[in-house]
């Protein structure tokens, strides 16, 4: 029974060994060295009469070593098969690792060579780019200089054109002004020739004038003309002043005439108004006398009415005093409507008493039988 269970266990451990090998391969790829502690043999539950086949043989064909069915125990299998498989895998991985290292070293050398080549090409390209930039900069500078020269030339041409046009216009204006001055000169020359006789006359006048009449010594004729202009201006100003004064005098006289006429009309109108006011005053005096009489009559009637009113009030007070009862308030604290109400209540009470007495008398009862009759009769 133990032998059969051991065979079943050995048959059942084949997939578990392949799984452990796959795990070791993945760990060897990560750490480049296998970890013996991870190579553990996990035995499944004991099964009898179970034939186990290899799963995923096509996928794990390059990683799993086919082991024939053995009858050894698990401990013996771990001592022999697993250690042998781990050593084989370690050697295989070391060979692959050395190959990969050599390939990596070769690739690094190639990469460094290519990088040096790229650096040299980059330096050459940078030199070419710098040379191209220098050429482009020189060419752009040349173009800018030519453009600046062209602009300056155009600007100078435009400035000179405007200056030439301005000078031409100025020349035309000066020519026209020169022609005008020549015409004025001709007119002035004609005037000089025409006024020369007046100069001769002025010279003769100056010769006959007193020595101190003209104070200007350098130009006697000019001083004489200035003196004449001053006298003429003074005469014109005085004449204009005299004319304005005459106009003011005439206006004053006209205003005086109008004021006199207005005063006469005002006197007539005021006299008529005064007469009307005198008549109105007389009428008002008569009306006032009538009003005074009416006021005296009204005052007398008011006095009479006031006396009657006072007598009436006193009578009401007397009657109200007699009509008050013992429990009623004092007469001075009552107003007139309350006093009249007290009198009315008393009269109504008296009417009731009289009516009661009349009823008793009609029934044949003597009035002395009622206690209120003597008091009512006494009141």
Protein backbone atom coordinates (compact mmCIF):
# COMPACT_ATOMS: atom_id res chain seq x y z
CA UNK A 1 0.00 0.00 0.00
CA UNK A 2 2.83 2.41 0.80
CA UNK A 3 4.58 1.54 -2.47
CA UNK A 4 1.46 2.23 -4.50
CA UNK A 5 0.93 5.55 -2.72
CA UNK A 6 4.57 6.51 -3.41
CA UNK A 7 4.17 5.71 -7.11
CA UNK A 8 0.98 7.76 -7.21
CA UNK A 9 2.76 10.58 -5.48
CA UNK A 10 5.66 10.45 -7.95
CA UNK A 11 3.25 10.41 -10.86
CA UNK A 12 1.32 13.31 -9.41
CA UNK A 13 4.41 15.46 -8.73
CA UNK A 14 5.40 15.87 -12.38
CA UNK A 15 3.19 18.94 -13.03
CA UNK A 16 4.29 20.45 -9.74
CA UNK A 17 7.96 20.13 -10.72
CA UNK A 18 7.32 21.85 -14.04
CA UNK A 19 5.51 24.69 -12.27
CA UNK A 20 8.41 25.11 -9.83
CA UNK A 21 10.83 25.11 -12.77
CA UNK A 22 8.84 27.82 -14.55
CA UNK A 23 8.83 29.90 -11.37
CA UNK A 24 12.59 29.46 -11.01
CA UNK A 25 13.12 30.46 -14.66
CA UNK A 26 11.13 33.67 -14.16
CA UNK A 27 13.07 34.47 -11.00
CA UNK A 28 16.38 33.65 -12.75
CA UNK A 29 15.54 36.08 -15.53
CA UNK A 30 14.91 38.80 -12.96
CA UNK A 31 17.89 38.24 -10.62
CA UNK A 32 20.24 36.43 -13.09
CA UNK A 33 20.88 33.78 -10.38
CA UNK A 34 18.54 31.02 -9.19
CA UNK A 35 17.37 31.05 -5.60
CA UNK A 36 17.62 27.49 -4.10
CA UNK A 37 15.17 28.39 -1.35
CA UNK A 38 12.42 28.86 -3.90
CA UNK A 39 12.86 25.32 -5.35
CA UNK A 40 10.41 23.52 -3.13
CA UNK A 41 8.57 20.33 -3.90
CA UNK A 42 4.88 20.70 -3.14
CA UNK A 43 3.15 17.31 -2.94
CA UNK A 44 -0.55 17.23 -3.62
CA UNK A 45 -3.04 15.03 -1.84
CA UNK A 46 -2.48 11.31 -2.26
CA UNK A 47 -4.67 9.76 -4.92
CA UNK A 48 -4.89 6.10 -5.88
CA UNK A 49 -5.15 4.72 -9.37
CA UNK A 50 -4.82 8.23 -10.98
CA UNK A 51 -2.89 8.72 -14.22
CA UNK A 52 -1.74 12.35 -14.65
CA UNK A 53 -0.71 13.72 -18.04
CA UNK A 54 1.50 16.74 -18.74
CA UNK A 55 -0.58 19.97 -19.24
CA UNK A 56 0.49 22.79 -21.56
CA UNK A 57 3.27 20.64 -23.00
CA UNK A 58 3.45 22.66 -26.20
CA UNK A 59 3.92 25.95 -24.32
CA UNK A 60 6.41 24.63 -21.73
CA UNK A 61 8.28 22.28 -24.04
CA UNK A 62 11.44 24.38 -24.03
CA UNK A 63 11.44 24.82 -20.24
CA UNK A 64 10.32 21.42 -18.87
CA UNK A 65 12.55 18.41 -18.84
CA UNK A 66 10.64 15.22 -19.31
CA UNK A 67 11.23 12.81 -16.45
CA UNK A 68 10.11 9.22 -16.65
CA UNK A 69 7.88 7.80 -14.03
CA UNK A 70 10.02 6.75 -11.12
CA UNK A 71 9.28 4.91 -7.99
CA UNK A 72 11.53 6.99 -5.71
CA UNK A 73 10.17 8.96 -2.84
CA UNK A 74 9.77 12.71 -2.85
CA UNK A 75 12.84 13.34 -0.71
CA UNK A 76 15.05 11.28 -3.01
CA UNK A 77 13.61 13.01 -6.03
CA UNK A 78 14.43 16.41 -4.54
CA UNK A 79 17.99 15.36 -3.82
CA UNK A 80 18.67 14.08 -7.33
CA UNK A 81 16.37 15.47 -10.02
CA UNK A 82 15.74 19.00 -8.80
CA UNK A 83 19.38 19.77 -8.06
CA UNK A 84 20.43 18.44 -11.46
CA UNK A 85 17.77 20.51 -13.20
CA UNK A 86 18.74 23.67 -11.28
CA UNK A 87 22.43 23.30 -12.16
CA UNK A 88 21.56 22.75 -15.81
CA UNK A 89 19.36 25.81 -15.84
CA UNK A 90 21.98 27.89 -14.06
CA UNK A 91 24.62 26.93 -16.63
CA UNK A 92 22.22 27.61 -19.44
CA UNK A 93 21.30 31.00 -18.00
CA UNK A 94 24.94 31.88 -17.38
CA UNK A 95 25.75 31.06 -21.01
CA UNK A 96 22.84 33.17 -22.17
CA UNK A 97 23.89 35.93 -19.79
CA UNK A 98 27.47 35.93 -21.07
CA UNK A 99 26.19 36.04 -24.63
CA UNK A 100 23.84 38.87 -23.76
CA UNK A 101 26.67 40.73 -22.01
CA UNK A 102 28.92 40.36 -25.03
CA UNK A 103 26.12 41.46 -27.34
CA UNK A 104 25.38 44.37 -25.04
CA UNK A 105 29.04 45.36 -24.94
CA UNK A 106 29.18 45.17 -28.72
CA UNK A 107 26.02 47.25 -29.02
CA UNK A 108 27.42 49.78 -26.57
CA UNK A 109 30.59 50.06 -28.61
CA UNK A 110 28.56 50.44 -31.78
CA UNK A 111 26.34 52.96 -30.05
CA UNK A 112 29.36 54.92 -28.80
CA UNK A 113 30.89 54.86 -32.28
CA UNK A 114 27.63 56.05 -33.78
CA UNK A 115 27.30 58.71 -31.09
CA UNK A 116 30.84 59.95 -31.80
CA UNK A 117 30.01 59.94 -35.49
CA UNK A 118 26.79 61.79 -34.78
CA UNK A 119 28.65 64.29 -32.60
CA UNK A 120 31.17 64.92 -35.35
CA UNK A 121 28.37 65.23 -37.91
CA UNK A 122 26.52 67.51 -35.51
CA UNK A 123 29.62 69.69 -35.12
CA UNK A 124 30.09 69.80 -38.89
CA UNK A 125 26.40 70.55 -39.36
CA UNK A 126 26.53 73.27 -36.70
CA UNK A 127 29.57 74.78 -38.42
CA UNK A 128 27.73 74.65 -41.75
CA UNK A 129 24.63 76.17 -40.17
CA UNK A 130 26.71 78.89 -38.54
CA UNK A 131 28.44 79.57 -41.85
CA UNK A 132 25.06 79.64 -43.57
CA UNK A 133 23.69 81.96 -40.89
CA UNK A 134 26.71 84.22 -41.29
CA UNK A 135 26.20 84.30 -45.05
CA UNK A 136 22.49 84.90 -44.62
CA UNK A 137 23.20 87.63 -42.04
CA UNK A 138 25.72 89.28 -44.36
CA UNK A 139 23.29 89.02 -47.25
CA UNK A 140 20.44 90.43 -45.14
CA UNK A 141 22.73 93.20 -43.93
CA UNK A 142 23.69 93.92 -47.53
CA UNK A 143 20.00 93.97 -48.51
CA UNK A 144 19.16 96.22 -45.55
CA UNK A 145 21.98 98.59 -46.45
CA UNK A 146 20.79 98.70 -50.05
CA UNK A 147 17.21 99.22 -48.86
CA UNK A 148 18.35 102.00 -46.52
CA UNK A 149 20.31 103.60 -49.35
CA UNK A 150 17.27 103.31 -51.60
CA UNK A 151 15.01 104.85 -48.95
CA UNK A 152 17.49 107.67 -48.32
CA UNK A 153 17.76 108.30 -52.03
CA UNK A 154 13.96 108.32 -52.41
CA UNK A 155 13.60 110.54 -49.35
CA UNK A 156 16.29 112.90 -50.60
CA UNK A 157 14.61 112.96 -54.01
CA UNK A 158 11.23 113.70 -52.46
CA UNK A 159 12.73 116.36 -50.19
CA UNK A 160 14.53 117.99 -53.08
CA UNK A 161 11.38 117.79 -55.20
CA UNK A 162 9.29 119.44 -52.49
CA UNK A 163 12.03 122.01 -51.89
CA UNK A 164 12.23 122.73 -55.60
CA UNK A 165 8.45 123.12 -55.85
CA UNK A 166 8.50 125.36 -52.77
CA UNK A 167 11.31 127.45 -54.22
CA UNK A 168 9.47 127.74 -57.52
CA UNK A 169 6.32 128.89 -55.75
CA UNK A 170 8.37 131.27 -53.64
CA UNK A 171 10.03 132.61 -56.78
CA UNK A 172 6.63 133.15 -58.40
CA UNK A 173 5.38 134.93 -55.26
CA UNK A 174 8.50 137.08 -55.13
CA UNK A 175 8.14 137.90 -58.81
CA UNK A 176 4.52 138.92 -58.32
CA UNK A 177 5.48 140.89 -55.19
CA UNK A 178 8.32 142.57 -57.13
CA UNK A 179 5.90 143.54 -59.88
CA UNK A 180 3.53 144.93 -57.24
CA UNK A 181 6.36 146.90 -55.63
CA UNK A 182 7.36 148.27 -59.01
CA UNK A 183 3.81 149.39 -59.66
CA UNK A 184 3.68 150.98 -56.20
CA UNK A 185 7.02 152.65 -56.90
CA UNK A 186 5.67 154.08 -60.12
CA UNK A 187 2.55 155.33 -58.32
CA UNK A 188 4.64 156.84 -55.52
CA UNK A 189 6.98 158.47 -58.03
CA UNK A 190 3.97 160.01 -59.72
CA UNK A 191 2.68 161.20 -56.34
CA UNK A 192 6.10 162.66 -55.48
CA UNK A 193 6.09 164.58 -58.71
CA UNK A 194 2.53 165.69 -58.04
CA UNK A 195 3.20 166.67 -54.40
CA UNK A 196 6.45 168.45 -55.09
CA UNK A 197 4.61 171.74 -55.56
CA UNK A 198 3.08 171.30 -52.10
CA UNK A 199 6.52 170.75 -50.66
CA UNK A 200 7.65 173.99 -52.24
CA UNK A 201 4.64 175.70 -50.71
CA UNK A 202 5.35 174.21 -47.29
CA UNK A 203 8.95 175.33 -47.48
CA UNK A 204 7.87 178.87 -48.20
CA UNK A 205 5.41 178.70 -45.27
CA UNK A 206 8.12 177.47 -42.92
CA UNK A 207 10.35 180.31 -43.97
CA UNK A 208 7.78 182.88 -42.93
CA UNK A 209 6.89 181.21 -39.59
CA UNK A 210 8.39 182.41 -36.26
CA UNK A 211 11.52 180.56 -35.08
CA UNK A 212 9.89 178.93 -32.00
CA UNK A 213 6.60 177.94 -33.62
CA UNK A 214 7.79 174.43 -34.53
CA UNK A 215 9.95 172.63 -31.96
CA UNK A 216 11.05 169.80 -34.27
CA UNK A 217 14.38 170.90 -35.73
CA UNK A 218 15.40 167.96 -37.89
CA UNK A 219 12.30 167.90 -40.13
CA UNK A 220 10.55 171.23 -40.20
CA UNK A 221 8.03 170.27 -42.86
CA UNK A 222 7.13 167.10 -40.96
CA UNK A 223 6.71 169.08 -37.75
CA UNK A 224 4.47 171.54 -39.55
CA UNK A 225 2.37 168.72 -40.97
CA UNK A 226 2.13 167.14 -37.50
CA UNK A 227 1.08 170.50 -36.04
CA UNK A 228 -1.53 170.85 -38.74
CA UNK A 229 -2.80 167.31 -38.14
CA UNK A 230 -2.98 167.99 -34.40
CA UNK A 231 -4.92 171.20 -34.91
CA UNK A 232 -7.21 169.50 -37.40
CA UNK A 233 -7.89 166.62 -35.02
CA UNK A 234 -8.56 169.08 -32.19
CA UNK A 235 -10.93 171.07 -34.38
CA UNK A 236 -12.79 167.96 -35.51
CA UNK A 237 -13.07 166.70 -31.93
CA UNK A 238 -14.30 170.06 -30.63
CA UNK A 239 -16.73 170.38 -33.53
CA UNK A 240 -18.09 166.91 -32.88
CA UNK A 241 -18.33 167.71 -29.16
CA UNK A 242 -20.16 170.96 -29.91
CA UNK A 243 -22.55 169.12 -32.24
CA UNK A 244 -23.25 166.50 -29.57
CA UNK A 245 -23.78 169.22 -26.95
CA UNK A 246 -26.21 171.03 -29.26
CA UNK A 247 -28.06 167.80 -29.84
CA UNK A 248 -28.19 167.20 -26.08
CA UNK A 249 -29.48 170.76 -25.52
CA UNK A 250 -32.17 170.25 -28.15
CA UNK A 251 -33.11 166.90 -26.64
CA UNK A 252 -33.23 168.52 -23.18
CA UNK A 253 -35.53 171.27 -24.47
CA UNK A 254 -37.78 168.73 -26.15
CA UNK A 255 -37.88 166.67 -22.97
CA UNK A 256 -38.68 169.82 -20.95
CA UNK A 257 -41.58 170.61 -23.27
CA UNK A 258 -42.86 167.07 -22.97
CA UNK A 259 -42.48 167.18 -19.19
CA UNK A 260 -44.44 170.47 -18.99
CA UNK A 261 -47.22 169.05 -21.12
CA UNK A 262 -47.23 165.86 -19.07
CA UNK A 263 -47.28 167.93 -15.86
CA UNK A 264 -50.27 169.95 -17.07
CA UNK A 265 -52.10 166.76 -17.98
CA UNK A 266 -51.15 165.24 -14.63
CA UNK A 267 -52.43 168.32 -12.78
CA UNK A 268 -55.76 168.12 -14.60
CA UNK A 269 -56.05 164.40 -13.98
CA UNK A 270 -55.05 164.78 -10.34
CA UNK A 271 -57.62 167.58 -9.83
CA UNK A 272 -60.33 165.43 -11.35
CA UNK A 273 -59.23 162.50 -9.22
CA UNK A 274 -59.17 164.77 -6.14
CA UNK A 275 -62.74 165.88 -6.82
CA UNK A 276 -63.82 162.30 -7.26
CA UNK A 277 -62.05 161.33 -4.05
CA UNK A 278 -63.74 164.23 -2.19
CA UNK A 279 -67.13 163.05 -3.38
CA UNK A 280 -66.24 159.49 -2.45
CA UNK A 281 -65.15 160.72 0.99
CA UNK A 282 -68.49 162.47 1.52
CA UNK A 283 -70.33 159.35 0.47
CA UNK A 284 -68.16 157.26 2.77
CA UNK A 285 -68.86 159.64 5.67
CA UNK A 286 -72.60 159.19 5.17
CA UNK A 287 -72.20 155.48 4.84
CA UNK A 288 -70.02 155.43 7.94
CA UNK A 289 -72.65 157.29 9.96
CA UNK A 290 -75.23 154.76 8.85
CA UNK A 291 -72.87 151.93 9.76
CA UNK A 292 -72.22 153.49 13.17
CA UNK A 293 -75.95 153.71 13.81
CA UNK A 294 -76.37 150.11 12.73
CA UNK A 295 -73.46 149.05 14.91
CA UNK A 296 -74.95 150.89 17.91
CA UNK A 297 -78.29 149.20 17.28
CA UNK A 298 -76.62 145.81 16.95
CA UNK A 299 -74.57 146.39 20.11
CA UNK A 300 -77.73 147.34 22.01
CA UNK A 301 -79.49 144.22 20.76
CA UNK A 302 -76.48 142.13 21.71
CA UNK A 303 -76.55 143.65 25.18
CA UNK A 304 -80.24 142.93 25.52
CA UNK A 305 -79.76 139.40 24.30
CA UNK A 306 -76.77 138.96 26.61
CA UNK A 307 -78.85 140.11 29.57
CA UNK A 308 -81.68 137.80 28.56
CA UNK A 309 -79.21 134.99 28.01
CA UNK A 310 -77.65 135.61 31.44
CA UNK A 311 -81.09 135.68 33.07
CA UNK A 312 -81.94 132.47 31.26
CA UNK A 313 -78.75 130.82 32.45
CA UNK A 314 -79.38 131.96 36.01
CA UNK A 315 -82.93 130.67 35.82
CA UNK A 316 -81.65 127.35 34.49
CA UNK A 317 -79.17 127.19 37.37
CA UNK A 318 -81.94 127.92 39.87
CA UNK A 319 -84.25 125.34 38.36
CA UNK A 320 -81.44 122.78 38.08
CA UNK A 321 -80.54 123.41 41.73
CA UNK A 322 -84.08 122.56 42.74
CA UNK A 323 -84.17 119.55 40.44
CA UNK A 324 -81.01 117.95 41.78
CA UNK A 325 -81.31 114.89 43.96
CA UNK A 326 -79.23 113.95 46.94
CA UNK A 327 -77.01 111.50 45.12
CA UNK A 328 -76.42 113.79 42.07
CA UNK A 329 -73.06 115.64 41.70
CA UNK A 330 -72.63 119.32 42.50
CA UNK A 331 -74.18 121.84 40.14
CA UNK A 332 -70.82 123.51 39.23
CA UNK A 333 -69.45 120.22 37.87
CA UNK A 334 -72.29 119.87 35.35
CA UNK A 335 -72.36 121.47 31.93
CA UNK A 336 -75.46 123.03 30.38
CA UNK A 337 -76.72 119.92 28.48
CA UNK A 338 -76.47 117.89 31.68
CA UNK A 339 -78.34 120.60 33.62
CA UNK A 340 -81.12 120.63 31.01
CA UNK A 341 -81.22 116.84 31.14
CA UNK A 342 -81.66 117.00 34.93
CA UNK A 343 -84.53 119.49 34.52
CA UNK A 344 -86.14 117.28 31.88
CA UNK A 345 -85.89 114.22 34.14
CA UNK A 346 -87.44 116.17 37.00
CA UNK A 347 -90.32 117.36 34.81
CA UNK A 348 -90.94 113.84 33.61
CA UNK A 349 -91.02 112.65 37.22
CA UNK A 350 -93.48 115.39 38.09
CA UNK A 351 -95.66 114.45 35.12
CA UNK A 352 -95.72 110.88 36.32
CA UNK A 353 -96.67 112.02 39.84
CA UNK A 354 -99.46 114.24 38.50
CA UNK A 355 -100.69 111.44 36.29
CA UNK A 356 -100.68 109.05 39.24
CA UNK A 357 -102.63 111.54 41.40
CA UNK A 358 -105.16 112.08 38.63
CA UNK A 359 -105.61 108.34 38.27
CA UNK A 360 -106.19 107.96 42.02
CA UNK A 361 -108.67 110.79 42.05
CA UNK A 362 -110.48 109.23 39.14
CA UNK A 363 -110.75 105.95 41.05
CA UNK A 364 -112.08 107.77 44.13
CA UNK A 365 -108.97 107.47 46.24
CA UNK A 366 -107.96 110.50 48.26
CA UNK A 367 -104.56 111.92 47.33
CA UNK A 368 -103.36 111.76 50.91
CA UNK A 369 -103.12 107.99 50.58
CA UNK A 370 -100.00 108.32 48.42
CA UNK A 371 -96.81 109.41 50.20
CA UNK A 372 -95.37 111.25 47.18
CA UNK A 373 -98.36 113.49 46.62
CA UNK A 374 -97.71 116.03 49.42
CA UNK A 375 -94.12 116.41 48.45
CA UNK A 376 -95.01 116.83 44.81
CA UNK A 377 -97.68 119.34 45.68
CA UNK A 378 -95.27 121.26 47.89
CA UNK A 379 -92.72 121.44 45.12
